[in-house]
Amino acid sequence: MTQFMNETNRKFEVANQEFIRINVTWKCTI
């Protein structure tokens, strides 16, 4: 269970970083 939580957390962090990068890029184009 702990390993599953760690993997889910890692995937969520990566997705969050991708979202932030896209958000920053989008703001810069406006």
C-alpha atoms as a PDB file:
ATOM      1  CA  MET A   1       0.000   0.000   0.000  1.00  0.00           C
ATOM      2  CA  THR A   2       2.806   2.409   0.852  1.00  0.00           C
ATOM      3  CA  GLN A   3       4.530   1.705  -2.461  1.00  0.00           C
ATOM      4  CA  PHE A   4       1.275   2.349  -4.303  1.00  0.00           C
ATOM      5  CA  MET A   5       0.838   5.669  -2.488  1.00  0.00           C
ATOM      6  CA  ASN A   6       4.401   6.676  -3.327  1.00  0.00           C
ATOM      7  CA  GLU A   7       3.934   5.896  -7.015  1.00  0.00           C
ATOM      8  CA  THR A   8       0.636   7.779  -7.093  1.00  0.00           C
ATOM      9  CA  ASN A   9       2.240  10.740  -5.358  1.00  0.00           C
ATOM     10  CA  ARG A  10       5.113  10.770  -7.827  1.00  0.00           C
ATOM     11  CA  LYS A  11       2.743  10.679 -10.809  1.00  0.00           C
ATOM     12  CA  PHE A  12       0.667  13.477  -9.282  1.00  0.00           C
ATOM     13  CA  GLU A  13       3.757  15.633  -8.718  1.00  0.00           C
ATOM     14  CA  VAL A  14       4.896  15.138 -12.322  1.00  0.00           C
ATOM     15  CA  ALA A  15       1.429  15.990 -13.633  1.00  0.00           C
ATOM     16  CA  ASN A  16       1.324  19.049 -11.378  1.00  0.00           C
ATOM     17  CA  GLN A  17       4.690  20.281 -12.675  1.00  0.00           C
ATOM     18  CA  GLU A  18       3.497  19.773 -16.259  1.00  0.00           C
ATOM     19  CA  PHE A  19       0.328  21.738 -15.492  1.00  0.00           C
ATOM     20  CA  ILE A  20       2.317  24.595 -13.918  1.00  0.00           C
ATOM     21  CA  ARG A  21       4.656  24.725 -16.909  1.00  0.00           C
ATOM     22  CA  ILE A  22       1.712  24.860 -19.339  1.00  0.00           C
ATOM     23  CA  ASN A  23       0.002  27.493 -17.192  1.00  0.00           C
ATOM     24  CA  VAL A  24       3.113  29.693 -17.112  1.00  0.00           C
ATOM     25  CA  THR A  25       3.585  29.329 -20.866  1.00  0.00           C
ATOM     26  CA  TRP A  26      -0.061  30.242 -21.451  1.00  0.00           C
ATOM     27  CA  LYS A  27       0.222  33.347 -19.253  1.00  0.00           C
ATOM     28  CA  CYS A  28       3.341  34.459 -21.101  1.00  0.00           C
ATOM     29  CA  THR A  29       1.555  34.303 -24.458  1.00  0.00           C
ATOM     30  CA  ILE A  30      -1.285  36.549 -23.269  1.00  0.00           C
END
